[in-house]
Amino acid sequence: MKNLPFYNENLKCKNEDEVFDFLIANLKPSNMLWSYFVNWEKVLRNTKQIELALNNLNYLIGKDDFDKEFKFLLKENPNLAKAIPALVVRDGSNKKNFKILVDYKNKKLVYEDYDFTKEKLSDEDIEKYLIFVKETGLKDLIINKKIKNLVDYMIGVEAGLDSNGRKNRGGHAMEDIVEAFIIDLCNKNKFRYLKEANAEKIKREFGYDVPVDKSSRRYDFVIDNGKELFISETNFYGGGGSKLKSTAGEYRNLFDVLDGKYKFIWITDGLGWKTTTKPLRETFNHNDYLFSLVMLEKGVLEFLIN
């Protein structure tokens, strides 16, 4: 930790132990924004792309002879087949080609290809699609009216997929919070900043040659105050785990890579650090600047960069 008058003046901390204790005692319970919840605009947009096909497939709901009606429907409108995978594929990949392991119990692995991108369908294609909806359980849901409307069902599927993206949204939320402080600082002082910038972009925009510890490194924020460059990484940990220790080690190493040529600021927060204080303290002792959100609230960024 690099001693700053800010700690004494604004946090009433006399030494580095008190600064670290202040950091731990004031960790934020959450960085949850409204954007954490379902992104309905995205859900409805994705559903609308196949809504017409889904309304046509609603024809099958409750039909006594599902197989016959399914074949009839796809012969009349082959493009409907393209919507079928979206009803059962839950990884958000929008895949329409599958190599499915259909048999493995006889010590021989047997695969079959399922391609839902075809413009023209043969009788064999339609038979295979029928097997697909049977084996994935979709046929049972439709004929027993467990699904009453495929559009409504698809909205639910998309909402579930969107919920799976919450982890990424949590990381972006921390960036959004920190960026609000950076925007205010830069607007007041006519500083420039970049978000998610790699070494090439920093060189192109600001003219600084910044070393990186790995080729894929994209710094969360870089700020140019006209005299020097400040580099910042951010994250938030609501829970504990091995990731926290590895992150602390990563940023100790990154501090060494930058070698004092540029000021490196790690901004982190979250109650997860209460269970992993040792690696955090090691990085706190090793690096010059390790800040939390409450420190940003009290003006540490403006103090340092000004």
C-alpha atoms as a PDB file:
ATOM      1  CA  MET A   1       0.000   0.000   0.000  1.00  0.00           C
ATOM      2  CA  LYS A   2       1.241   3.449  -0.891  1.00  0.00           C
ATOM      3  CA  ASN A   3       0.565   5.888   1.894  1.00  0.00           C
ATOM      4  CA  LEU A   4      -1.805   8.688   0.918  1.00  0.00           C
ATOM      5  CA  PRO A   5      -2.795  11.676   3.087  1.00  0.00           C
ATOM      6  CA  PHE A   6      -6.329  10.816   1.951  1.00  0.00           C
ATOM      7  CA  TYR A   7      -6.461   7.858   4.337  1.00  0.00           C
ATOM      8  CA  ASN A   8      -5.829  10.022   7.367  1.00  0.00           C
ATOM      9  CA  GLU A   9      -7.824  13.037   6.259  1.00  0.00           C
ATOM     10  CA  ASN A  10     -10.916  11.293   4.876  1.00  0.00           C
ATOM     11  CA  LEU A  11     -10.980   7.848   6.477  1.00  0.00           C
ATOM     12  CA  LYS A  12      -9.402   8.803   9.836  1.00  0.00           C
ATOM     13  CA  CYS A  13      -6.957   5.897   9.484  1.00  0.00           C
ATOM     14  CA  LYS A  14      -3.472   6.325  10.959  1.00  0.00           C
ATOM     15  CA  ASN A  15      -1.690   3.328   9.434  1.00  0.00           C
ATOM     16  CA  GLU A  16      -2.078   0.585   6.851  1.00  0.00           C
ATOM     17  CA  ASP A  17      -3.673  -1.836   9.334  1.00  0.00           C
ATOM     18  CA  GLU A  18      -6.443   0.653  10.003  1.00  0.00           C
ATOM     19  CA  VAL A  19      -6.908   1.287   6.280  1.00  0.00           C
ATOM     20  CA  PHE A  20      -7.279  -2.426   5.586  1.00  0.00           C
ATOM     21  CA  ASP A  21      -9.647  -2.859   8.540  1.00  0.00           C
ATOM     22  CA  PHE A  22     -11.699   0.041   7.189  1.00  0.00           C
ATOM     23  CA  LEU A  23     -11.859  -1.626   3.769  1.00  0.00           C
ATOM     24  CA  ILE A  24     -13.058  -4.944   5.206  1.00  0.00           C
ATOM     25  CA  ALA A  25     -15.529  -3.330   7.607  1.00  0.00           C
ATOM     26  CA  ASN A  26     -17.180  -1.341   4.829  1.00  0.00           C
ATOM     27  CA  LEU A  27     -17.563  -3.950   2.099  1.00  0.00           C
ATOM     28  CA  LYS A  28     -20.821  -3.541   0.205  1.00  0.00           C
ATOM     29  CA  PRO A  29     -23.511  -6.247   0.552  1.00  0.00           C
ATOM     30  CA  SER A  30     -24.492  -6.137  -3.122  1.00  0.00           C
ATOM     31  CA  ASN A  31     -23.874  -4.554  -6.509  1.00  0.00           C
ATOM     32  CA  MET A  32     -27.264  -5.648  -7.808  1.00  0.00           C
ATOM     33  CA  LEU A  33     -28.780  -3.166 -10.263  1.00  0.00           C
ATOM     34  CA  TRP A  34     -32.187  -3.393 -11.934  1.00  0.00           C
ATOM     35  CA  SER A  35     -30.333  -4.799 -14.951  1.00  0.00           C
ATOM     36  CA  TYR A  36     -29.567  -7.911 -12.843  1.00  0.00           C
ATOM     37  CA  PHE A  37     -33.068  -9.202 -13.448  1.00  0.00           C
ATOM     38  CA  VAL A  38     -34.553 -10.452 -16.721  1.00  0.00           C
ATOM     39  CA  ASN A  39     -33.858  -8.345 -19.786  1.00  0.00           C
ATOM     40  CA  TRP A  40     -37.377  -8.485 -21.187  1.00  0.00           C
ATOM     41  CA  GLU A  41     -36.510  -6.454 -24.272  1.00  0.00           C
ATOM     42  CA  LYS A  42     -33.979  -9.123 -25.276  1.00  0.00           C
ATOM     43  CA  VAL A  43     -36.381 -11.957 -24.371  1.00  0.00           C
ATOM     44  CA  LEU A  44     -39.220 -10.561 -26.475  1.00  0.00           C
ATOM     45  CA  ARG A  45     -36.877  -9.695 -29.358  1.00  0.00           C
ATOM     46  CA  ASN A  46     -35.558 -13.268 -29.518  1.00  0.00           C
ATOM     47  CA  THR A  47     -39.069 -14.708 -29.282  1.00  0.00           C
ATOM     48  CA  LYS A  48     -40.405 -12.426 -32.015  1.00  0.00           C
ATOM     49  CA  GLN A  49     -37.870 -13.839 -34.482  1.00  0.00           C
ATOM     50  CA  ILE A  50     -39.731 -17.170 -34.487  1.00  0.00           C
ATOM     51  CA  GLU A  51     -43.162 -16.058 -33.279  1.00  0.00           C
ATOM     52  CA  LEU A  52     -44.894 -16.695 -36.612  1.00  0.00           C
ATOM     53  CA  ALA A  53     -43.493 -20.228 -36.790  1.00  0.00           C
ATOM     54  CA  LEU A  54     -44.497 -20.898 -33.186  1.00  0.00           C
ATOM     55  CA  ASN A  55     -48.059 -19.773 -33.859  1.00  0.00           C
ATOM     56  CA  ASN A  56     -48.213 -22.240 -36.763  1.00  0.00           C
ATOM     57  CA  LEU A  57     -46.830 -25.020 -34.560  1.00  0.00           C
ATOM     58  CA  ASN A  58     -49.602 -24.249 -32.035  1.00  0.00           C
ATOM     59  CA  TYR A  59     -51.803 -26.129 -34.502  1.00  0.00           C
ATOM     60  CA  LEU A  60     -50.381 -29.355 -33.037  1.00  0.00           C
ATOM     61  CA  ILE A  61     -51.491 -28.706 -29.461  1.00  0.00           C
ATOM     62  CA  GLY A  62     -53.976 -31.356 -28.351  1.00  0.00           C
ATOM     63  CA  LYS A  63     -54.112 -33.132 -31.726  1.00  0.00           C
ATOM     64  CA  ASP A  64     -55.090 -36.813 -31.377  1.00  0.00           C
ATOM     65  CA  ASP A  65     -52.888 -37.999 -34.248  1.00  0.00           C
ATOM     66  CA  PHE A  66     -49.823 -35.887 -33.546  1.00  0.00           C
ATOM     67  CA  ASP A  67     -47.498 -37.774 -35.890  1.00  0.00           C
ATOM     68  CA  LYS A  68     -49.770 -37.419 -38.906  1.00  0.00           C
ATOM     69  CA  GLU A  69     -50.476 -33.730 -38.237  1.00  0.00           C
ATOM     70  CA  PHE A  70     -46.784 -32.990 -37.598  1.00  0.00           C
ATOM     71  CA  LYS A  71     -45.790 -34.472 -40.971  1.00  0.00           C
ATOM     72  CA  PHE A  72     -48.598 -32.603 -42.711  1.00  0.00           C
ATOM     73  CA  LEU A  73     -47.586 -29.293 -41.135  1.00  0.00           C
ATOM     74  CA  LEU A  74     -43.908 -29.586 -42.103  1.00  0.00           C
ATOM     75  CA  LYS A  75     -44.728 -30.668 -45.652  1.00  0.00           C
ATOM     76  CA  GLU A  76     -46.926 -27.589 -46.030  1.00  0.00           C
ATOM     77  CA  ASN A  77     -44.348 -25.256 -44.473  1.00  0.00           C
ATOM     78  CA  PRO A  78     -40.794 -26.677 -44.271  1.00  0.00           C
ATOM     79  CA  ASN A  79     -39.450 -23.484 -42.649  1.00  0.00           C
ATOM     80  CA  LEU A  80     -41.281 -24.367 -39.432  1.00  0.00           C
ATOM     81  CA  ALA A  81     -38.604 -26.958 -38.734  1.00  0.00           C
ATOM     82  CA  LYS A  82     -36.066 -24.192 -38.071  1.00  0.00           C
ATOM     83  CA  ALA A  83     -37.972 -23.131 -34.955  1.00  0.00           C
ATOM     84  CA  ILE A  84     -38.014 -26.591 -33.349  1.00  0.00           C
ATOM     85  CA  PRO A  85     -34.519 -26.550 -31.746  1.00  0.00           C
ATOM     86  CA  ALA A  86     -35.213 -23.264 -29.944  1.00  0.00           C
ATOM     87  CA  LEU A  87     -37.949 -25.003 -27.952  1.00  0.00           C
ATOM     88  CA  VAL A  88     -35.568 -27.486 -26.339  1.00  0.00           C
ATOM     89  CA  VAL A  89     -31.996 -26.152 -26.607  1.00  0.00           C
ATOM     90  CA  ARG A  90     -31.224 -24.316 -23.360  1.00  0.00           C
ATOM     91  CA  ASP A  91     -27.674 -23.041 -23.856  1.00  0.00           C
ATOM     92  CA  GLY A  92     -28.610 -19.898 -25.777  1.00  0.00           C
ATOM     93  CA  SER A  93     -26.424 -20.916 -28.737  1.00  0.00           C
ATOM     94  CA  ASN A  94     -29.259 -20.904 -31.302  1.00  0.00           C
ATOM     95  CA  LYS A  95     -27.792 -24.105 -32.755  1.00  0.00           C
ATOM     96  CA  LYS A  96     -29.676 -25.856 -35.536  1.00  0.00           C
ATOM     97  CA  ASN A  97     -27.236 -28.678 -36.283  1.00  0.00           C
ATOM     98  CA  PHE A  98     -26.675 -31.575 -33.889  1.00  0.00           C
ATOM     99  CA  LYS A  99     -24.672 -34.763 -33.829  1.00  0.00           C
ATOM    100  CA  ILE A 100     -26.620 -36.838 -31.316  1.00  0.00           C
ATOM    101  CA  LEU A 101     -25.379 -39.999 -29.651  1.00  0.00           C
ATOM    102  CA  VAL A 102     -28.409 -42.253 -30.182  1.00  0.00           C
ATOM    103  CA  ASP A 103     -26.932 -45.523 -28.928  1.00  0.00           C
ATOM    104  CA  TYR A 104     -24.090 -46.321 -26.547  1.00  0.00           C
ATOM    105  CA  LYS A 105     -25.331 -49.350 -24.591  1.00  0.00           C
ATOM    106  CA  ASN A 106     -23.922 -52.008 -26.904  1.00  0.00           C
ATOM    107  CA  LYS A 107     -20.295 -50.903 -26.495  1.00  0.00           C
ATOM    108  CA  LYS A 108     -20.516 -49.041 -29.771  1.00  0.00           C
ATOM    109  CA  LEU A 109     -21.243 -45.340 -30.056  1.00  0.00           C
ATOM    110  CA  VAL A 110     -23.787 -44.573 -32.747  1.00  0.00           C
ATOM    111  CA  TYR A 111     -24.359 -40.965 -33.835  1.00  0.00           C
ATOM    112  CA  GLU A 112     -27.014 -39.379 -36.023  1.00  0.00           C
ATOM    113  CA  ASP A 113     -26.965 -35.941 -37.622  1.00  0.00           C
ATOM    114  CA  TYR A 114     -29.940 -33.631 -37.224  1.00  0.00           C
ATOM    115  CA  ASP A 115     -29.936 -30.587 -39.490  1.00  0.00           C
ATOM    116  CA  PHE A 116     -32.746 -28.049 -39.018  1.00  0.00           C
ATOM    117  CA  THR A 117     -31.447 -25.552 -41.570  1.00  0.00           C
ATOM    118  CA  LYS A 118     -32.705 -27.240 -44.744  1.00  0.00           C
ATOM    119  CA  GLU A 119     -34.865 -25.246 -47.137  1.00  0.00           C
ATOM    120  CA  LYS A 120     -36.434 -28.348 -48.679  1.00  0.00           C
ATOM    121  CA  LEU A 121     -37.452 -31.371 -46.621  1.00  0.00           C
ATOM    122  CA  SER A 122     -37.634 -34.972 -47.710  1.00  0.00           C
ATOM    123  CA  ASP A 123     -39.946 -37.490 -46.076  1.00  0.00           C
ATOM    124  CA  GLU A 124     -36.860 -38.887 -44.338  1.00  0.00           C
ATOM    125  CA  ASP A 125     -36.010 -35.453 -42.915  1.00  0.00           C
ATOM    126  CA  ILE A 126     -39.518 -35.060 -41.504  1.00  0.00           C
ATOM    127  CA  GLU A 127     -39.380 -38.534 -39.957  1.00  0.00           C
ATOM    128  CA  LYS A 128     -36.118 -37.589 -38.246  1.00  0.00           C
ATOM    129  CA  TYR A 129     -37.605 -34.348 -36.932  1.00  0.00           C
ATOM    130  CA  LEU A 130     -40.520 -36.360 -35.554  1.00  0.00           C
ATOM    131  CA  ILE A 131     -38.051 -38.590 -33.697  1.00  0.00           C
ATOM    132  CA  PHE A 132     -36.373 -35.436 -32.361  1.00  0.00           C
ATOM    133  CA  VAL A 133     -39.561 -33.982 -30.871  1.00  0.00           C
ATOM    134  CA  LYS A 134     -40.467 -37.391 -29.404  1.00  0.00           C
ATOM    135  CA  GLU A 135     -37.077 -38.101 -27.811  1.00  0.00           C
ATOM    136  CA  THR A 136     -36.642 -34.589 -26.403  1.00  0.00           C
ATOM    137  CA  GLY A 137     -40.049 -34.831 -24.694  1.00  0.00           C
ATOM    138  CA  LEU A 138     -41.564 -32.001 -26.708  1.00  0.00           C
ATOM    139  CA  LYS A 139     -44.266 -34.185 -28.259  1.00  0.00           C
ATOM    140  CA  ASP A 140     -45.538 -35.276 -24.844  1.00  0.00           C
ATOM    141  CA  LEU A 141     -45.760 -31.680 -23.636  1.00  0.00           C
ATOM    142  CA  ILE A 142     -47.744 -30.674 -26.718  1.00  0.00           C
ATOM    143  CA  ILE A 143     -50.221 -33.546 -27.008  1.00  0.00           C
ATOM    144  CA  ASN A 144     -51.013 -33.510 -23.278  1.00  0.00           C
ATOM    145  CA  LYS A 145     -51.579 -29.734 -23.371  1.00  0.00           C
ATOM    146  CA  LYS A 146     -48.870 -29.151 -20.789  1.00  0.00           C
ATOM    147  CA  ILE A 147     -47.944 -26.340 -23.148  1.00  0.00           C
ATOM    148  CA  LYS A 148     -50.989 -24.277 -24.033  1.00  0.00           C
ATOM    149  CA  ASN A 149     -49.243 -21.760 -26.260  1.00  0.00           C
ATOM    150  CA  LEU A 150     -45.760 -22.148 -27.760  1.00  0.00           C
ATOM    151  CA  VAL A 151     -45.148 -18.401 -27.895  1.00  0.00           C
ATOM    152  CA  ASP A 152     -45.772 -18.067 -24.148  1.00  0.00           C
ATOM    153  CA  TYR A 153     -43.640 -21.160 -23.547  1.00  0.00           C
ATOM    154  CA  MET A 154     -40.810 -19.651 -25.617  1.00  0.00           C
ATOM    155  CA  ILE A 155     -40.927 -16.426 -23.610  1.00  0.00           C
ATOM    156  CA  GLY A 156     -40.394 -18.554 -20.505  1.00  0.00           C
ATOM    157  CA  VAL A 157     -37.483 -20.404 -22.113  1.00  0.00           C
ATOM    158  CA  GLU A 158     -35.834 -17.146 -23.155  1.00  0.00           C
ATOM    159  CA  ALA A 159     -36.366 -15.654 -19.688  1.00  0.00           C
ATOM    160  CA  GLY A 160     -34.639 -18.692 -18.194  1.00  0.00           C
ATOM    161  CA  LEU A 161     -31.724 -18.363 -20.588  1.00  0.00           C
ATOM    162  CA  ASP A 162     -31.438 -14.676 -19.760  1.00  0.00           C
ATOM    163  CA  SER A 163     -31.350 -15.492 -16.043  1.00  0.00           C
ATOM    164  CA  ASN A 164     -28.340 -17.722 -16.686  1.00  0.00           C
ATOM    165  CA  GLY A 165     -26.491 -14.591 -17.759  1.00  0.00           C
ATOM    166  CA  ARG A 166     -26.727 -13.019 -14.308  1.00  0.00           C
ATOM    167  CA  LYS A 167     -23.131 -13.881 -13.445  1.00  0.00           C
ATOM    168  CA  ASN A 168     -21.869 -11.810 -16.353  1.00  0.00           C
ATOM    169  CA  ARG A 169     -24.297  -9.023 -15.526  1.00  0.00           C
ATOM    170  CA  GLY A 170     -22.885  -8.940 -11.991  1.00  0.00           C
ATOM    171  CA  GLY A 171     -19.422  -8.262 -13.381  1.00  0.00           C
ATOM    172  CA  HIS A 172     -20.741  -5.601 -15.736  1.00  0.00           C
ATOM    173  CA  ALA A 173     -22.665  -3.992 -12.853  1.00  0.00           C
ATOM    174  CA  MET A 174     -19.417  -3.339 -10.970  1.00  0.00           C
ATOM    175  CA  GLU A 175     -17.951  -1.776 -14.100  1.00  0.00           C
ATOM    176  CA  ASP A 176     -21.051   0.411 -14.500  1.00  0.00           C
ATOM    177  CA  ILE A 177     -20.812   1.586 -10.899  1.00  0.00           C
ATOM    178  CA  VAL A 178     -17.116   2.429 -11.143  1.00  0.00           C
ATOM    179  CA  GLU A 179     -17.620   4.089 -14.519  1.00  0.00           C
ATOM    180  CA  ALA A 180     -20.108   6.510 -12.961  1.00  0.00           C
ATOM    181  CA  PHE A 181     -17.321   7.787 -10.690  1.00  0.00           C
ATOM    182  CA  ILE A 182     -14.842   7.923 -13.580  1.00  0.00           C
ATOM    183  CA  ILE A 183     -17.242   9.831 -15.844  1.00  0.00           C
ATOM    184  CA  ASP A 184     -17.854  12.405 -13.120  1.00  0.00           C
ATOM    185  CA  LEU A 185     -14.115  12.771 -12.497  1.00  0.00           C
ATOM    186  CA  CYS A 186     -13.262  13.116 -16.191  1.00  0.00           C
ATOM    187  CA  ASN A 187     -16.063  15.562 -16.924  1.00  0.00           C
ATOM    188  CA  LYS A 188     -15.039  17.815 -14.048  1.00  0.00           C
ATOM    189  CA  ASN A 189     -11.369  17.820 -14.960  1.00  0.00           C
ATOM    190  CA  LYS A 190     -11.444  17.307 -18.747  1.00  0.00           C
ATOM    191  CA  PHE A 191      -9.595  14.003 -18.417  1.00  0.00           C
ATOM    192  CA  ARG A 192      -9.929  11.249 -21.012  1.00  0.00           C
ATOM    193  CA  TYR A 193     -10.698   7.617 -20.325  1.00  0.00           C
ATOM    194  CA  LEU A 194     -11.159   4.353 -22.204  1.00  0.00           C
ATOM    195  CA  LYS A 195     -13.191   1.323 -21.194  1.00  0.00           C
ATOM    196  CA  GLU A 196     -12.145  -2.284 -21.917  1.00  0.00           C
ATOM    197  CA  ALA A 197      -9.008  -1.205 -23.711  1.00  0.00           C
ATOM    198  CA  ASN A 198      -6.162  -3.449 -24.825  1.00  0.00           C
ATOM    199  CA  ALA A 199      -2.575  -2.271 -25.342  1.00  0.00           C
ATOM    200  CA  GLU A 200      -3.172  -1.573 -29.038  1.00  0.00           C
ATOM    201  CA  LYS A 201      -6.167   0.658 -28.360  1.00  0.00           C
ATOM    202  CA  ILE A 202      -4.345   2.536 -25.587  1.00  0.00           C
ATOM    203  CA  LYS A 203      -1.413   3.196 -27.934  1.00  0.00           C
ATOM    204  CA  ARG A 204      -3.719   4.325 -30.717  1.00  0.00           C
ATOM    205  CA  GLU A 205      -5.912   6.596 -28.596  1.00  0.00           C
ATOM    206  CA  PHE A 206      -3.529   7.897 -25.927  1.00  0.00           C
ATOM    207  CA  GLY A 207      -0.040   7.182 -27.264  1.00  0.00           C
ATOM    208  CA  TYR A 208       1.161   5.127 -24.274  1.00  0.00           C
ATOM    209  CA  ASP A 209       3.021   1.826 -24.659  1.00  0.00           C
ATOM    210  CA  VAL A 210       1.437  -0.334 -21.978  1.00  0.00           C
ATOM    211  CA  PRO A 211       2.799  -3.800 -21.192  1.00  0.00           C
ATOM    212  CA  VAL A 212       0.399  -6.688 -20.653  1.00  0.00           C
ATOM    213  CA  ASP A 213       0.715  -9.915 -18.704  1.00  0.00           C
ATOM    214  CA  LYS A 214      -1.256 -11.878 -21.311  1.00  0.00           C
ATOM    215  CA  SER A 215      -2.151 -11.234 -24.931  1.00  0.00           C
ATOM    216  CA  SER A 216      -5.880 -11.174 -24.233  1.00  0.00           C
ATOM    217  CA  ARG A 217      -5.624  -8.547 -21.474  1.00  0.00           C
ATOM    218  CA  ARG A 218      -8.211  -5.793 -21.775  1.00  0.00           C
ATOM    219  CA  TYR A 219      -8.004  -3.285 -18.955  1.00  0.00           C
ATOM    220  CA  ASP A 220     -11.387  -2.323 -17.529  1.00  0.00           C
ATOM    221  CA  PHE A 221     -10.497   1.386 -17.490  1.00  0.00           C
ATOM    222  CA  VAL A 222      -7.559   3.585 -18.400  1.00  0.00           C
ATOM    223  CA  ILE A 223      -7.566   7.281 -17.488  1.00  0.00           C
ATOM    224  CA  ASP A 224      -5.285   9.932 -18.953  1.00  0.00           C
ATOM    225  CA  ASN A 225      -5.085  13.100 -16.870  1.00  0.00           C
ATOM    226  CA  GLY A 226      -2.784  14.777 -19.379  1.00  0.00           C
ATOM    227  CA  LYS A 227       0.358  13.965 -17.417  1.00  0.00           C
ATOM    228  CA  GLU A 228       0.232  10.242 -16.753  1.00  0.00           C
ATOM    229  CA  LEU A 229      -1.859   7.118 -17.302  1.00  0.00           C
ATOM    230  CA  PHE A 230      -3.894   5.347 -14.637  1.00  0.00           C
ATOM    231  CA  ILE A 231      -4.950   1.749 -15.234  1.00  0.00           C
ATOM    232  CA  SER A 232      -7.818   0.159 -13.330  1.00  0.00           C
ATOM    233  CA  GLU A 233      -9.323  -3.296 -12.961  1.00  0.00           C
ATOM    234  CA  THR A 234     -12.618  -3.881 -11.139  1.00  0.00           C
ATOM    235  CA  ASN A 235     -14.586  -6.801  -9.713  1.00  0.00           C
ATOM    236  CA  PHE A 236     -17.153  -7.643  -7.065  1.00  0.00           C
ATOM    237  CA  TYR A 237     -17.443 -10.863  -5.063  1.00  0.00           C
ATOM    238  CA  GLY A 238     -20.656 -11.495  -3.167  1.00  0.00           C
ATOM    239  CA  GLY A 239     -19.468 -14.966  -2.110  1.00  0.00           C
ATOM    240  CA  GLY A 240     -16.221 -16.708  -1.325  1.00  0.00           C
ATOM    241  CA  GLY A 241     -14.268 -19.347  -3.223  1.00  0.00           C
ATOM    242  CA  SER A 242     -10.921 -20.081  -4.828  1.00  0.00           C
ATOM    243  CA  LYS A 243     -11.498 -17.439  -7.527  1.00  0.00           C
ATOM    244  CA  LEU A 244     -10.858 -14.652  -5.021  1.00  0.00           C
ATOM    245  CA  LYS A 245      -7.405 -15.957  -4.136  1.00  0.00           C
ATOM    246  CA  SER A 246      -6.409 -16.358  -7.779  1.00  0.00           C
ATOM    247  CA  THR A 247      -7.687 -12.867  -8.618  1.00  0.00           C
ATOM    248  CA  ALA A 248      -5.649 -11.325  -5.817  1.00  0.00           C
ATOM    249  CA  GLY A 249      -2.560 -13.150  -7.098  1.00  0.00           C
ATOM    250  CA  GLU A 250      -3.273 -12.073 -10.674  1.00  0.00           C
ATOM    251  CA  TYR A 251      -3.343  -8.398  -9.712  1.00  0.00           C
ATOM    252  CA  ARG A 252      -0.157  -8.642  -7.683  1.00  0.00           C
ATOM    253  CA  ASN A 253       1.482  -9.965 -10.821  1.00  0.00           C
ATOM    254  CA  LEU A 254      -0.094  -7.283 -12.999  1.00  0.00           C
ATOM    255  CA  PHE A 255       1.227  -4.585 -10.673  1.00  0.00           C
ATOM    256  CA  ASP A 256       4.727  -6.015 -11.194  1.00  0.00           C
ATOM    257  CA  VAL A 257       4.281  -6.170 -14.972  1.00  0.00           C
ATOM    258  CA  LEU A 258       3.415  -2.465 -15.097  1.00  0.00           C
ATOM    259  CA  ASP A 259       6.554  -1.930 -12.998  1.00  0.00           C
ATOM    260  CA  GLY A 260       5.580   1.459 -11.614  1.00  0.00           C
ATOM    261  CA  LYS A 261       5.605   3.085 -15.050  1.00  0.00           C
ATOM    262  CA  TYR A 262       1.846   3.479 -14.882  1.00  0.00           C
ATOM    263  CA  LYS A 263      -0.285   3.711 -11.768  1.00  0.00           C
ATOM    264  CA  PHE A 264      -2.368   0.548 -11.332  1.00  0.00           C
ATOM    265  CA  ILE A 265      -5.600   0.767  -9.332  1.00  0.00           C
ATOM    266  CA  TRP A 266      -7.507  -2.339  -8.300  1.00  0.00           C
ATOM    267  CA  ILE A 267     -11.078  -1.563  -7.251  1.00  0.00           C
ATOM    268  CA  THR A 268     -12.829  -4.485  -5.607  1.00  0.00           C
ATOM    269  CA  ASP A 269     -15.670  -5.053  -3.183  1.00  0.00           C
ATOM    270  CA  GLY A 270     -18.211  -7.568  -1.902  1.00  0.00           C
ATOM    271  CA  LEU A 271     -18.754  -9.568   1.268  1.00  0.00           C
ATOM    272  CA  GLY A 272     -16.932 -12.537  -0.268  1.00  0.00           C
ATOM    273  CA  TRP A 273     -13.668 -10.924   0.805  1.00  0.00           C
ATOM    274  CA  LYS A 274     -14.604 -11.340   4.463  1.00  0.00           C
ATOM    275  CA  THR A 275     -13.893 -15.059   4.099  1.00  0.00           C
ATOM    276  CA  THR A 276     -10.721 -14.561   2.028  1.00  0.00           C
ATOM    277  CA  THR A 277      -8.902 -11.719   3.749  1.00  0.00           C
ATOM    278  CA  LYS A 278      -5.378 -13.186   3.643  1.00  0.00           C
ATOM    279  CA  PRO A 279      -4.764 -13.031  -0.152  1.00  0.00           C
ATOM    280  CA  LEU A 280      -6.502  -9.646  -0.269  1.00  0.00           C
ATOM    281  CA  ARG A 281      -4.193  -8.349   2.457  1.00  0.00           C
ATOM    282  CA  GLU A 282      -1.161  -9.695   0.608  1.00  0.00           C
ATOM    283  CA  THR A 283      -2.134  -7.744  -2.502  1.00  0.00           C
ATOM    284  CA  PHE A 284      -3.045  -4.715  -0.391  1.00  0.00           C
ATOM    285  CA  ASN A 285       0.483  -4.759   1.062  1.00  0.00           C
ATOM    286  CA  HIS A 286       2.156  -5.422  -2.303  1.00  0.00           C
ATOM    287  CA  ASN A 287       0.285  -3.041  -4.615  1.00  0.00           C
ATOM    288  CA  ASP A 288       0.192   0.727  -4.321  1.00  0.00           C
ATOM    289  CA  TYR A 289      -3.536   1.245  -4.744  1.00  0.00           C
ATOM    290  CA  LEU A 290      -6.331  -1.110  -3.714  1.00  0.00           C
ATOM    291  CA  PHE A 291      -9.648   0.675  -3.287  1.00  0.00           C
ATOM    292  CA  SER A 292     -13.213  -0.303  -2.391  1.00  0.00           C
ATOM    293  CA  LEU A 293     -16.476   1.362  -3.357  1.00  0.00           C
ATOM    294  CA  VAL A 294     -16.778   3.254  -0.078  1.00  0.00           C
ATOM    295  CA  MET A 295     -13.344   4.759  -0.776  1.00  0.00           C
ATOM    296  CA  LEU A 296     -14.626   5.894  -4.165  1.00  0.00           C
ATOM    297  CA  GLU A 297     -17.647   7.420  -2.454  1.00  0.00           C
ATOM    298  CA  LYS A 298     -15.302   9.392  -0.216  1.00  0.00           C
ATOM    299  CA  GLY A 299     -13.339  10.712  -3.198  1.00  0.00           C
ATOM    300  CA  VAL A 300     -10.166   8.653  -3.375  1.00  0.00           C
ATOM    301  CA  LEU A 301     -10.089   8.560  -7.190  1.00  0.00           C
ATOM    302  CA  GLU A 302     -10.279  12.322  -7.481  1.00  0.00           C
ATOM    303  CA  PHE A 303      -7.640  12.698  -4.781  1.00  0.00           C
ATOM    304  CA  LEU A 304      -5.235  10.344  -6.543  1.00  0.00           C
ATOM    305  CA  ILE A 305      -5.749  11.307 -10.182  1.00  0.00           C
ATOM    306  CA  ASN A 306      -5.966  15.047  -9.599  1.00  0.00           C
END
